[in-house]
Amino acid sequence: MMKKLFLTIIIYITTLVGAVSIYAQDEVAVTQPVEPNIFSLAYNNILLILAVLVLIGVIMAGLSLIWALIEVQKMKLLEKYGVEGLEKANLTSTGSLWSTISDKAWNLVPKDKEADIDLGHDYDGIRELDNSLPPWWVWLFYGTIIWAAVYIWYYHVSDKGPNQEQEYIAAMEMGEAEKAKFLATQADAIDEKTVTVLLAEADIAEGKEIYTANCLVCHGANGEGTVGPNFTDKYWLHGGSINDIFTTIKYGVPEKGMISWKTQLRPAAMQKVASYILTLQGTNPPNAKAPQGELYEPTSAGATKDSTEVGTAAPAVDSLSAPAASDTKK
């Protein structure tokens, strides 16, 4: 009977391990790396949790049934052969199933037989006995061996689990995603003190689109100036650095008809259009408006640096991309 029970348990565990491995493989294939969360893990593995609970219930029910059958057999033997028959069959022990298993696991030696396990070492009247190790320690030790075997098979033999390189790549991808998410939130954190010149073609192209949609009427299609000042020369009414241009776009010059764009354009958009305006320097379009304001020559300390990031220290423009007026400045 016990052999059948253990065979049944082994079959259940083998089936469960197979199901877990297949389930884990499917999860790796169809899911993206996500931040660990105990509730989401429990929800996504609810079937697995239920399967484990059912297996535990089946095992406990099987053990209880077998124990009950053993008790019935003991009663029949007692009626037929008496106490001597039970003693010969070694069935005289009483107690619960757990206490019986515990006694067997401890394998304790009776006091009257301690001489058999005496190691001959005596320390101030304390004798050293060769007792069995505590069962919880032994089971824990065996458990670590089983765990190590399963770990090696899962991660290093079956290739179902990610190795260190795959985990590193996944972590780096997750980090890049988090970085992009953070930078997206910082796009609106730009101000006139932290703004920098953008030189990436995509940023300049987007800045040109914003300029065409909002600045062309007053400053001309090529920055030559109409109602507003000319952006293609080196003269500026309100400063020619990227910080000055961004400030003029953001706050405007109401007394000269230049409106504030801070309620209509995001800081990132104002940075892009300001960077585009600087590219108009020296283009010499036809019908350019006469210079206005003061000559602006960026110093070497304020030379422009190539930057496509947001929120770094704001440098001025170099001689090749000398500042051009924004629709608010010249």
C-alpha atoms as a PDB file:
ATOM      1  CA  MET A   1       0.000   0.000   0.000  1.00  0.00           C
ATOM      2  CA  MET A   2       2.759   2.436   0.958  1.00  0.00           C
ATOM      3  CA  LYS A   3       4.664   1.620  -2.209  1.00  0.00           C
ATOM      4  CA  LYS A   4       1.590   2.456  -4.271  1.00  0.00           C
ATOM      5  CA  LEU A   5       1.193   5.747  -2.394  1.00  0.00           C
ATOM      6  CA  PHE A   6       4.789   6.780  -2.966  1.00  0.00           C
ATOM      7  CA  LEU A   7       4.516   5.792  -6.626  1.00  0.00           C
ATOM      8  CA  THR A   8       1.388   7.929  -6.943  1.00  0.00           C
ATOM      9  CA  ILE A   9       3.118  10.877  -5.294  1.00  0.00           C
ATOM     10  CA  ILE A  10       6.114  10.544  -7.613  1.00  0.00           C
ATOM     11  CA  ILE A  11       3.822  10.477 -10.645  1.00  0.00           C
ATOM     12  CA  TYR A  12       1.989  13.604  -9.423  1.00  0.00           C
ATOM     13  CA  ILE A  13       5.232  15.464  -8.785  1.00  0.00           C
ATOM     14  CA  THR A  14       6.678  14.461 -12.162  1.00  0.00           C
ATOM     15  CA  THR A  15       3.522  15.650 -13.909  1.00  0.00           C
ATOM     16  CA  LEU A  16       3.568  18.904 -11.948  1.00  0.00           C
ATOM     17  CA  VAL A  17       7.232  19.593 -12.773  1.00  0.00           C
ATOM     18  CA  GLY A  18       6.541  18.962 -16.461  1.00  0.00           C
ATOM     19  CA  ALA A  19       3.575  21.319 -16.407  1.00  0.00           C
ATOM     20  CA  VAL A  20       5.590  24.000 -14.632  1.00  0.00           C
ATOM     21  CA  SER A  21       8.442  23.752 -17.154  1.00  0.00           C
ATOM     22  CA  ILE A  22       6.077  24.025 -20.129  1.00  0.00           C
ATOM     23  CA  TYR A  23       4.177  26.888 -18.503  1.00  0.00           C
ATOM     24  CA  ALA A  24       7.402  28.736 -17.705  1.00  0.00           C
ATOM     25  CA  GLN A  25       8.639  28.272 -21.276  1.00  0.00           C
ATOM     26  CA  ASP A  26       5.394  29.670 -22.676  1.00  0.00           C
ATOM     27  CA  GLU A  27       5.567  32.643 -20.325  1.00  0.00           C
ATOM     28  CA  VAL A  28       9.119  33.460 -21.406  1.00  0.00           C
ATOM     29  CA  ALA A  29       8.068  33.285 -25.054  1.00  0.00           C
ATOM     30  CA  VAL A  30       4.996  35.499 -24.875  1.00  0.00           C
ATOM     31  CA  THR A  31       5.714  38.028 -22.182  1.00  0.00           C
ATOM     32  CA  GLN A  32       7.984  41.027 -22.034  1.00  0.00           C
ATOM     33  CA  PRO A  33      10.254  41.746 -19.046  1.00  0.00           C
ATOM     34  CA  VAL A  34       8.184  43.494 -16.418  1.00  0.00           C
ATOM     35  CA  GLU A  35       8.900  44.787 -13.018  1.00  0.00           C
ATOM     36  CA  PRO A  36       8.252  42.079 -10.421  1.00  0.00           C
ATOM     37  CA  ASN A  37       4.963  42.410  -8.555  1.00  0.00           C
ATOM     38  CA  ILE A  38       3.629  39.816  -6.141  1.00  0.00           C
ATOM     39  CA  PHE A  39       0.008  40.424  -7.106  1.00  0.00           C
ATOM     40  CA  SER A  40       0.606  40.212 -10.848  1.00  0.00           C
ATOM     41  CA  LEU A  41       2.726  37.091 -10.369  1.00  0.00           C
ATOM     42  CA  ALA A  42      -0.024  35.458  -8.314  1.00  0.00           C
ATOM     43  CA  TYR A  43      -2.667  36.402 -10.885  1.00  0.00           C
ATOM     44  CA  ASN A  44      -0.612  35.198 -13.858  1.00  0.00           C
ATOM     45  CA  ASN A  45       0.156  31.893 -12.136  1.00  0.00           C
ATOM     46  CA  ILE A  46      -3.228  31.208 -10.567  1.00  0.00           C
ATOM     47  CA  LEU A  47      -3.633  27.884 -12.404  1.00  0.00           C
ATOM     48  CA  LEU A  48      -0.241  26.732 -11.207  1.00  0.00           C
ATOM     49  CA  ILE A  49      -1.040  27.708  -7.623  1.00  0.00           C
ATOM     50  CA  LEU A  50      -4.337  25.837  -7.763  1.00  0.00           C
ATOM     51  CA  ALA A  51      -2.590  22.777  -9.195  1.00  0.00           C
ATOM     52  CA  VAL A  52      -0.100  22.768  -6.320  1.00  0.00           C
ATOM     53  CA  LEU A  53      -2.879  23.119  -3.742  1.00  0.00           C
ATOM     54  CA  VAL A  54      -4.829  20.266  -5.336  1.00  0.00           C
ATOM     55  CA  LEU A  55      -1.718  18.081  -5.365  1.00  0.00           C
ATOM     56  CA  ILE A  56      -1.052  18.780  -1.697  1.00  0.00           C
ATOM     57  CA  GLY A  57      -4.672  17.987  -0.884  1.00  0.00           C
ATOM     58  CA  VAL A  58      -4.499  14.687  -2.792  1.00  0.00           C
ATOM     59  CA  ILE A  59      -1.301  13.680  -1.014  1.00  0.00           C
ATOM     60  CA  MET A  60      -2.717  14.508   2.427  1.00  0.00           C
ATOM     61  CA  ALA A  61      -5.954  12.681   1.674  1.00  0.00           C
ATOM     62  CA  GLY A  62      -4.010   9.637   0.464  1.00  0.00           C
ATOM     63  CA  LEU A  63      -1.873   9.573   3.605  1.00  0.00           C
ATOM     64  CA  SER A  64      -4.933   9.875   5.832  1.00  0.00           C
ATOM     65  CA  LEU A  65      -6.668   7.040   3.982  1.00  0.00           C
ATOM     66  CA  ILE A  66      -3.665   4.771   4.266  1.00  0.00           C
ATOM     67  CA  TRP A  67      -3.329   5.537   7.969  1.00  0.00           C
ATOM     68  CA  ALA A  68      -6.986   4.691   8.479  1.00  0.00           C
ATOM     69  CA  LEU A  69      -6.563   1.385   6.636  1.00  0.00           C
ATOM     70  CA  ILE A  70      -3.563   0.540   8.797  1.00  0.00           C
ATOM     71  CA  GLU A  71      -5.617   1.171  11.928  1.00  0.00           C
ATOM     72  CA  VAL A  72      -8.390  -1.085  10.627  1.00  0.00           C
ATOM     73  CA  GLN A  73      -5.897  -3.863   9.951  1.00  0.00           C
ATOM     74  CA  LYS A  74      -4.405  -3.462  13.418  1.00  0.00           C
ATOM     75  CA  MET A  75      -7.839  -3.895  14.972  1.00  0.00           C
ATOM     76  CA  LYS A  76      -8.474  -7.049  12.940  1.00  0.00           C
ATOM     77  CA  LEU A  77      -5.090  -8.493  13.935  1.00  0.00           C
ATOM     78  CA  LEU A  78      -5.764  -7.621  17.552  1.00  0.00           C
ATOM     79  CA  GLU A  79      -9.088  -9.501  17.468  1.00  0.00           C
ATOM     80  CA  LYS A  80      -7.577 -12.511  15.724  1.00  0.00           C
ATOM     81  CA  TYR A  81      -4.094 -12.842  17.283  1.00  0.00           C
ATOM     82  CA  GLY A  82      -4.207 -10.611  20.357  1.00  0.00           C
ATOM     83  CA  VAL A  83      -1.498  -8.238  21.595  1.00  0.00           C
ATOM     84  CA  GLU A  84       1.280 -10.765  20.942  1.00  0.00           C
ATOM     85  CA  GLY A  85       0.395 -10.827  17.270  1.00  0.00           C
ATOM     86  CA  LEU A  86       0.635  -7.037  17.051  1.00  0.00           C
ATOM     87  CA  GLU A  87       3.986  -7.065  18.795  1.00  0.00           C
ATOM     88  CA  LYS A  88       5.357  -9.649  16.401  1.00  0.00           C
ATOM     89  CA  ALA A  89       4.113  -7.559  13.478  1.00  0.00           C
ATOM     90  CA  ASN A  90       5.589  -4.424  15.073  1.00  0.00           C
ATOM     91  CA  LEU A  91       2.187  -2.721  15.007  1.00  0.00           C
ATOM     92  CA  THR A  92       1.843  -1.843  18.679  1.00  0.00           C
ATOM     93  CA  SER A  93       2.877   1.786  18.273  1.00  0.00           C
ATOM     94  CA  THR A  94       0.194   4.359  18.884  1.00  0.00           C
ATOM     95  CA  GLY A  95      -0.096   8.028  18.102  1.00  0.00           C
ATOM     96  CA  SER A  96      -0.815  10.258  15.164  1.00  0.00           C
ATOM     97  CA  LEU A  97       0.620   9.845  11.702  1.00  0.00           C
ATOM     98  CA  TRP A  98       2.843  12.879  12.173  1.00  0.00           C
ATOM     99  CA  SER A  99       4.248  11.664  15.520  1.00  0.00           C
ATOM    100  CA  THR A 100       4.967   8.245  14.009  1.00  0.00           C
ATOM    101  CA  ILE A 101       6.794   9.813  11.039  1.00  0.00           C
ATOM    102  CA  SER A 102       8.675  12.149  13.380  1.00  0.00           C
ATOM    103  CA  ASP A 103       9.803   9.279  15.642  1.00  0.00           C
ATOM    104  CA  LYS A 104      10.977   7.302  12.663  1.00  0.00           C
ATOM    105  CA  ALA A 105      12.811  10.310  11.256  1.00  0.00           C
ATOM    106  CA  TRP A 106      14.557  11.131  14.533  1.00  0.00           C
ATOM    107  CA  ASN A 107      15.551   7.504  15.057  1.00  0.00           C
ATOM    108  CA  LEU A 108      16.052   8.250  18.724  1.00  0.00           C
ATOM    109  CA  VAL A 109      17.896   5.685  20.829  1.00  0.00           C
ATOM    110  CA  PRO A 110      16.278   4.730  24.160  1.00  0.00           C
ATOM    111  CA  LYS A 111      18.164   5.787  27.279  1.00  0.00           C
ATOM    112  CA  ASP A 112      18.861   2.203  28.271  1.00  0.00           C
ATOM    113  CA  LYS A 113      20.716   1.710  24.964  1.00  0.00           C
ATOM    114  CA  GLU A 114      22.745   4.927  24.942  1.00  0.00           C
ATOM    115  CA  ALA A 115      25.885   2.919  25.693  1.00  0.00           C
ATOM    116  CA  ASP A 116      25.691   1.555  22.153  1.00  0.00           C
ATOM    117  CA  ILE A 117      26.174   5.048  20.671  1.00  0.00           C
ATOM    118  CA  ASP A 118      28.581   6.435  23.281  1.00  0.00           C
ATOM    119  CA  LEU A 119      31.657   7.822  21.506  1.00  0.00           C
ATOM    120  CA  GLY A 120      33.757   7.637  24.655  1.00  0.00           C
ATOM    121  CA  HIS A 121      34.188  11.388  25.032  1.00  0.00           C
ATOM    122  CA  ASP A 122      33.351  12.816  28.441  1.00  0.00           C
ATOM    123  CA  TYR A 123      33.506  16.511  29.236  1.00  0.00           C
ATOM    124  CA  ASP A 124      32.731  17.382  32.860  1.00  0.00           C
ATOM    125  CA  GLY A 125      30.232  14.566  33.033  1.00  0.00           C
ATOM    126  CA  ILE A 126      28.676  15.337  29.650  1.00  0.00           C
ATOM    127  CA  ARG A 127      28.926  12.363  27.304  1.00  0.00           C
ATOM    128  CA  GLU A 128      29.101  12.628  23.541  1.00  0.00           C
ATOM    129  CA  LEU A 129      26.591  10.359  21.821  1.00  0.00           C
ATOM    130  CA  ASP A 130      26.351   9.513  18.151  1.00  0.00           C
ATOM    131  CA  ASN A 131      22.705  10.574  17.819  1.00  0.00           C
ATOM    132  CA  SER A 132      20.979  11.062  14.507  1.00  0.00           C
ATOM    133  CA  LEU A 133      20.820  14.564  13.038  1.00  0.00           C
ATOM    134  CA  PRO A 134      17.517  16.433  13.483  1.00  0.00           C
ATOM    135  CA  PRO A 135      15.133  15.476  10.664  1.00  0.00           C
ATOM    136  CA  TRP A 136      14.388  19.097   9.768  1.00  0.00           C
ATOM    137  CA  TRP A 137      18.116  19.622   9.136  1.00  0.00           C
ATOM    138  CA  VAL A 138      18.383  16.455   7.078  1.00  0.00           C
ATOM    139  CA  TRP A 139      15.272  17.313   5.029  1.00  0.00           C
ATOM    140  CA  LEU A 140      16.585  20.830   4.464  1.00  0.00           C
ATOM    141  CA  PHE A 141      19.908  19.405   3.291  1.00  0.00           C
ATOM    142  CA  TYR A 142      18.187  17.009   0.893  1.00  0.00           C
ATOM    143  CA  GLY A 143      16.001  19.878  -0.264  1.00  0.00           C
ATOM    144  CA  THR A 144      19.050  21.947  -1.220  1.00  0.00           C
ATOM    145  CA  ILE A 145      20.372  19.021  -3.256  1.00  0.00           C
ATOM    146  CA  ILE A 146      17.052  18.692  -5.098  1.00  0.00           C
ATOM    147  CA  TRP A 147      16.886  22.450  -5.611  1.00  0.00           C
ATOM    148  CA  ALA A 148      20.431  22.520  -7.020  1.00  0.00           C
ATOM    149  CA  ALA A 149      19.640  19.680  -9.427  1.00  0.00           C
ATOM    150  CA  VAL A 150      16.464  21.387 -10.666  1.00  0.00           C
ATOM    151  CA  TYR A 151      18.282  24.732 -10.964  1.00  0.00           C
ATOM    152  CA  ILE A 152      21.128  23.261 -13.019  1.00  0.00           C
ATOM    153  CA  TRP A 153      18.693  21.434 -15.287  1.00  0.00           C
ATOM    154  CA  TYR A 154      16.411  24.449 -15.792  1.00  0.00           C
ATOM    155  CA  TYR A 155      19.077  27.130 -16.365  1.00  0.00           C
ATOM    156  CA  HIS A 156      22.069  25.231 -17.745  1.00  0.00           C
ATOM    157  CA  VAL A 157      20.754  22.069 -19.424  1.00  0.00           C
ATOM    158  CA  SER A 158      17.248  22.667 -20.770  1.00  0.00           C
ATOM    159  CA  ASP A 159      17.862  26.329 -21.788  1.00  0.00           C
ATOM    160  CA  LYS A 160      14.347  27.097 -20.569  1.00  0.00           C
ATOM    161  CA  GLY A 161      15.584  29.638 -18.051  1.00  0.00           C
ATOM    162  CA  PRO A 162      17.582  32.745 -19.041  1.00  0.00           C
ATOM    163  CA  ASN A 163      21.316  32.578 -18.462  1.00  0.00           C
ATOM    164  CA  GLN A 164      23.355  35.456 -17.044  1.00  0.00           C
ATOM    165  CA  GLU A 165      23.958  37.024 -20.445  1.00  0.00           C
ATOM    166  CA  GLN A 166      20.260  36.924 -21.331  1.00  0.00           C
ATOM    167  CA  GLU A 167      19.340  38.378 -17.951  1.00  0.00           C
ATOM    168  CA  TYR A 168      21.889  41.145 -18.490  1.00  0.00           C
ATOM    169  CA  ILE A 169      20.495  41.987 -21.926  1.00  0.00           C
ATOM    170  CA  ALA A 170      16.931  41.989 -20.580  1.00  0.00           C
ATOM    171  CA  ALA A 171      17.969  44.244 -17.695  1.00  0.00           C
ATOM    172  CA  MET A 172      19.717  46.651 -20.083  1.00  0.00           C
ATOM    173  CA  GLU A 173      16.649  46.779 -22.339  1.00  0.00           C
ATOM    174  CA  MET A 174      14.449  47.474 -19.344  1.00  0.00           C
ATOM    175  CA  GLY A 175      16.875  50.170 -18.227  1.00  0.00           C
ATOM    176  CA  GLU A 176      16.836  51.820 -21.666  1.00  0.00           C
ATOM    177  CA  ALA A 177      13.036  51.778 -21.633  1.00  0.00           C
ATOM    178  CA  GLU A 178      12.987  53.381 -18.199  1.00  0.00           C
ATOM    179  CA  LYS A 179      15.554  55.946 -19.351  1.00  0.00           C
ATOM    180  CA  ALA A 180      13.469  56.850 -22.411  1.00  0.00           C
ATOM    181  CA  LYS A 181      10.380  57.098 -20.217  1.00  0.00           C
ATOM    182  CA  PHE A 182      12.201  59.414 -17.818  1.00  0.00           C
ATOM    183  CA  LEU A 183      13.614  61.610 -20.573  1.00  0.00           C
ATOM    184  CA  ALA A 184      10.140  61.908 -22.065  1.00  0.00           C
ATOM    185  CA  THR A 185       8.928  63.353 -18.780  1.00  0.00           C
ATOM    186  CA  GLN A 186      11.888  65.763 -18.748  1.00  0.00           C
ATOM    187  CA  ALA A 187      11.059  67.249 -22.143  1.00  0.00           C
ATOM    188  CA  ASP A 188       8.872  69.853 -20.464  1.00  0.00           C
ATOM    189  CA  ALA A 189      11.436  70.568 -17.758  1.00  0.00           C
ATOM    190  CA  ILE A 190      13.531  72.718 -20.118  1.00  0.00           C
ATOM    191  CA  ASP A 191      13.709  76.395 -19.325  1.00  0.00           C
ATOM    192  CA  GLU A 192      15.715  79.411 -20.448  1.00  0.00           C
ATOM    193  CA  LYS A 193      18.586  78.457 -18.130  1.00  0.00           C
ATOM    194  CA  THR A 194      18.966  74.802 -19.108  1.00  0.00           C
ATOM    195  CA  VAL A 195      18.076  74.917 -22.814  1.00  0.00           C
ATOM    196  CA  THR A 196      20.751  73.732 -25.276  1.00  0.00           C
ATOM    197  CA  VAL A 197      21.178  73.876 -29.037  1.00  0.00           C
ATOM    198  CA  LEU A 198      19.881  70.799 -30.834  1.00  0.00           C
ATOM    199  CA  LEU A 199      21.810  69.753 -33.954  1.00  0.00           C
ATOM    200  CA  ALA A 200      20.108  66.467 -34.816  1.00  0.00           C
ATOM    201  CA  GLU A 201      18.450  66.595 -38.246  1.00  0.00           C
ATOM    202  CA  ALA A 202      15.141  65.281 -36.893  1.00  0.00           C
ATOM    203  CA  ASP A 203      15.005  68.045 -34.250  1.00  0.00           C
ATOM    204  CA  ILE A 204      15.895  70.740 -36.778  1.00  0.00           C
ATOM    205  CA  ALA A 205      13.267  69.432 -39.220  1.00  0.00           C
ATOM    206  CA  GLU A 206      10.610  69.496 -36.503  1.00  0.00           C
ATOM    207  CA  GLY A 207      11.744  72.976 -35.480  1.00  0.00           C
ATOM    208  CA  LYS A 208      11.294  74.117 -39.103  1.00  0.00           C
ATOM    209  CA  GLU A 209       7.740  72.740 -39.145  1.00  0.00           C
ATOM    210  CA  ILE A 210       6.922  74.662 -35.959  1.00  0.00           C
ATOM    211  CA  TYR A 211       8.507  77.792 -37.414  1.00  0.00           C
ATOM    212  CA  THR A 212       6.533  77.476 -40.660  1.00  0.00           C
ATOM    213  CA  ALA A 213       3.284  77.016 -38.764  1.00  0.00           C
ATOM    214  CA  ASN A 214       3.768  79.863 -36.283  1.00  0.00           C
ATOM    215  CA  CYS A 215       6.597  82.267 -37.202  1.00  0.00           C
ATOM    216  CA  LEU A 216       6.564  82.541 -40.993  1.00  0.00           C
ATOM    217  CA  VAL A 217       4.020  85.381 -41.136  1.00  0.00           C
ATOM    218  CA  CYS A 218       6.136  87.809 -39.133  1.00  0.00           C
ATOM    219  CA  HIS A 219       9.658  86.608 -39.949  1.00  0.00           C
ATOM    220  CA  GLY A 220       9.395  85.272 -43.492  1.00  0.00           C
ATOM    221  CA  ALA A 221       9.668  81.806 -44.974  1.00  0.00           C
ATOM    222  CA  ASN A 222      13.478  81.964 -44.939  1.00  0.00           C
ATOM    223  CA  GLY A 223      13.916  84.089 -41.831  1.00  0.00           C
ATOM    224  CA  GLU A 224      14.442  87.224 -43.950  1.00  0.00           C
ATOM    225  CA  GLY A 225      12.079  89.245 -41.754  1.00  0.00           C
ATOM    226  CA  THR A 226       8.823  91.012 -42.606  1.00  0.00           C
ATOM    227  CA  VAL A 227       6.947  92.571 -39.717  1.00  0.00           C
ATOM    228  CA  GLY A 228       9.452  90.971 -37.385  1.00  0.00           C
ATOM    229  CA  PRO A 229      13.232  91.207 -37.584  1.00  0.00           C
ATOM    230  CA  ASN A 230      15.619  89.343 -39.889  1.00  0.00           C
ATOM    231  CA  PHE A 231      17.068  86.094 -38.472  1.00  0.00           C
ATOM    232  CA  THR A 232      19.856  85.621 -41.022  1.00  0.00           C
ATOM    233  CA  ASP A 233      22.268  88.357 -39.920  1.00  0.00           C
ATOM    234  CA  LYS A 234      24.307  88.743 -36.749  1.00  0.00           C
ATOM    235  CA  TYR A 235      22.270  91.531 -35.204  1.00  0.00           C
ATOM    236  CA  TRP A 236      19.757  90.851 -32.446  1.00  0.00           C
ATOM    237  CA  LEU A 237      17.336  92.991 -30.512  1.00  0.00           C
ATOM    238  CA  HIS A 238      17.088  90.713 -27.458  1.00  0.00           C
ATOM    239  CA  GLY A 239      20.277  88.640 -27.551  1.00  0.00           C
ATOM    240  CA  GLY A 240      21.441  85.923 -29.925  1.00  0.00           C
ATOM    241  CA  SER A 241      22.294  82.996 -27.673  1.00  0.00           C
ATOM    242  CA  ILE A 242      20.079  79.914 -27.483  1.00  0.00           C
ATOM    243  CA  ASN A 243      19.054  81.033 -24.009  1.00  0.00           C
ATOM    244  CA  ASP A 244      18.063  84.497 -25.266  1.00  0.00           C
ATOM    245  CA  ILE A 245      16.104  83.138 -28.220  1.00  0.00           C
ATOM    246  CA  PHE A 246      14.284  80.589 -26.036  1.00  0.00           C
ATOM    247  CA  THR A 247      13.452  83.351 -23.527  1.00  0.00           C
ATOM    248  CA  THR A 248      12.056  85.620 -26.227  1.00  0.00           C
ATOM    249  CA  ILE A 249       9.898  82.839 -27.664  1.00  0.00           C
ATOM    250  CA  LYS A 250       8.681  81.820 -24.233  1.00  0.00           C
ATOM    251  CA  TYR A 251       7.800  85.236 -22.802  1.00  0.00           C
ATOM    252  CA  GLY A 252       7.440  87.285 -25.994  1.00  0.00           C
ATOM    253  CA  VAL A 253       7.869  91.056 -26.384  1.00  0.00           C
ATOM    254  CA  PRO A 254       4.297  92.361 -25.987  1.00  0.00           C
ATOM    255  CA  GLU A 255       5.241  96.025 -26.509  1.00  0.00           C
ATOM    256  CA  LYS A 256       6.499  95.137 -30.021  1.00  0.00           C
ATOM    257  CA  GLY A 257       3.706  92.751 -30.939  1.00  0.00           C
ATOM    258  CA  MET A 258       5.608  89.534 -30.161  1.00  0.00           C
ATOM    259  CA  ILE A 259       3.290  87.246 -28.230  1.00  0.00           C
ATOM    260  CA  SER A 260       4.301  84.760 -25.556  1.00  0.00           C
ATOM    261  CA  TRP A 261       4.287  81.181 -26.815  1.00  0.00           C
ATOM    262  CA  LYS A 262       4.620  79.404 -23.483  1.00  0.00           C
ATOM    263  CA  THR A 263       0.913  78.592 -23.393  1.00  0.00           C
ATOM    264  CA  GLN A 264       0.876  77.282 -26.970  1.00  0.00           C
ATOM    265  CA  LEU A 265       4.188  75.465 -27.360  1.00  0.00           C
ATOM    266  CA  ARG A 266       5.785  72.928 -25.043  1.00  0.00           C
ATOM    267  CA  PRO A 267       9.325  73.746 -23.844  1.00  0.00           C
ATOM    268  CA  ALA A 268      10.718  70.977 -26.054  1.00  0.00           C
ATOM    269  CA  ALA A 269       9.009  72.529 -29.080  1.00  0.00           C
ATOM    270  CA  MET A 270      10.374  75.982 -28.230  1.00  0.00           C
ATOM    271  CA  GLN A 271      13.856  74.478 -27.966  1.00  0.00           C
ATOM    272  CA  LYS A 272      13.540  72.923 -31.415  1.00  0.00           C
ATOM    273  CA  VAL A 273      12.299  76.084 -33.119  1.00  0.00           C
ATOM    274  CA  ALA A 274      15.015  78.138 -31.411  1.00  0.00           C
ATOM    275  CA  SER A 275      17.626  75.676 -32.653  1.00  0.00           C
ATOM    276  CA  TYR A 276      16.203  75.893 -36.172  1.00  0.00           C
ATOM    277  CA  ILE A 277      16.330  79.696 -36.082  1.00  0.00           C
ATOM    278  CA  LEU A 278      20.043  79.515 -35.326  1.00  0.00           C
ATOM    279  CA  THR A 279      20.610  77.506 -38.536  1.00  0.00           C
ATOM    280  CA  LEU A 280      19.329  80.473 -40.579  1.00  0.00           C
ATOM    281  CA  GLN A 281      22.399  82.540 -39.647  1.00  0.00           C
ATOM    282  CA  GLY A 282      24.348  83.549 -42.746  1.00  0.00           C
ATOM    283  CA  THR A 283      21.915  82.097 -45.317  1.00  0.00           C
ATOM    284  CA  ASN A 284      21.485  85.512 -47.000  1.00  0.00           C
ATOM    285  CA  PRO A 285      17.966  85.072 -48.446  1.00  0.00           C
ATOM    286  CA  PRO A 286      16.630  87.536 -51.010  1.00  0.00           C
ATOM    287  CA  ASN A 287      14.724  90.593 -49.793  1.00  0.00           C
ATOM    288  CA  ALA A 288      16.317  90.328 -46.352  1.00  0.00           C
ATOM    289  CA  LYS A 289      15.287  93.006 -43.917  1.00  0.00           C
ATOM    290  CA  ALA A 290      17.930  95.452 -42.732  1.00  0.00           C
ATOM    291  CA  PRO A 291      19.825  94.500 -39.563  1.00  0.00           C
ATOM    292  CA  GLN A 292      18.332  95.580 -36.246  1.00  0.00           C
ATOM    293  CA  GLY A 293      19.675  95.628 -32.735  1.00  0.00           C
ATOM    294  CA  GLU A 294      23.218  94.890 -31.606  1.00  0.00           C
ATOM    295  CA  LEU A 295      25.905  92.707 -33.144  1.00  0.00           C
ATOM    296  CA  TYR A 296      26.129  89.353 -31.360  1.00  0.00           C
ATOM    297  CA  GLU A 297      29.355  87.365 -31.540  1.00  0.00           C
ATOM    298  CA  PRO A 298      29.455  84.259 -29.350  1.00  0.00           C
ATOM    299  CA  THR A 299      32.550  84.005 -27.194  1.00  0.00           C
ATOM    300  CA  SER A 300      34.724  80.878 -27.147  1.00  0.00           C
ATOM    301  CA  ALA A 301      33.444  80.134 -23.653  1.00  0.00           C
ATOM    302  CA  GLY A 302      29.937  80.168 -25.016  1.00  0.00           C
ATOM    303  CA  ALA A 303      30.587  78.124 -28.138  1.00  0.00           C
ATOM    304  CA  THR A 304      27.847  75.769 -29.147  1.00  0.00           C
ATOM    305  CA  LYS A 305      28.168  72.099 -28.317  1.00  0.00           C
ATOM    306  CA  ASP A 306      26.477  69.266 -30.189  1.00  0.00           C
ATOM    307  CA  SER A 307      23.697  68.138 -27.910  1.00  0.00           C
ATOM    308  CA  THR A 308      20.499  66.272 -28.534  1.00  0.00           C
ATOM    309  CA  GLU A 309      19.756  65.832 -24.859  1.00  0.00           C
ATOM    310  CA  VAL A 310      17.448  67.858 -22.736  1.00  0.00           C
ATOM    311  CA  GLY A 311      18.361  69.670 -19.595  1.00  0.00           C
ATOM    312  CA  THR A 312      22.179  69.914 -19.951  1.00  0.00           C
ATOM    313  CA  ALA A 313      24.132  73.120 -19.500  1.00  0.00           C
ATOM    314  CA  ALA A 314      23.190  75.597 -22.191  1.00  0.00           C
ATOM    315  CA  PRO A 315      26.089  76.681 -24.478  1.00  0.00           C
ATOM    316  CA  ALA A 316      25.931  79.451 -27.010  1.00  0.00           C
ATOM    317  CA  VAL A 317      26.311  79.031 -30.753  1.00  0.00           C
ATOM    318  CA  ASP A 318      29.618  78.778 -32.627  1.00  0.00           C
ATOM    319  CA  SER A 319      30.564  80.960 -35.556  1.00  0.00           C
ATOM    320  CA  LEU A 320      29.075  78.569 -38.103  1.00  0.00           C
ATOM    321  CA  SER A 321      25.685  78.428 -36.422  1.00  0.00           C
ATOM    322  CA  ALA A 322      25.610  81.922 -35.049  1.00  0.00           C
ATOM    323  CA  PRO A 323      22.339  82.759 -33.384  1.00  0.00           C
ATOM    324  CA  ALA A 324      19.454  83.797 -35.481  1.00  0.00           C
ATOM    325  CA  ALA A 325      16.563  85.783 -34.151  1.00  0.00           C
ATOM    326  CA  SER A 326      13.411  84.035 -33.131  1.00  0.00           C
ATOM    327  CA  ASP A 327      10.069  85.422 -34.007  1.00  0.00           C
ATOM    328  CA  THR A 328      10.356  87.523 -30.979  1.00  0.00           C
ATOM    329  CA  LYS A 329      13.741  88.763 -30.776  1.00  0.00           C
ATOM    330  CA  LYS A 330      15.491  90.731 -33.397  1.00  0.00           C
END
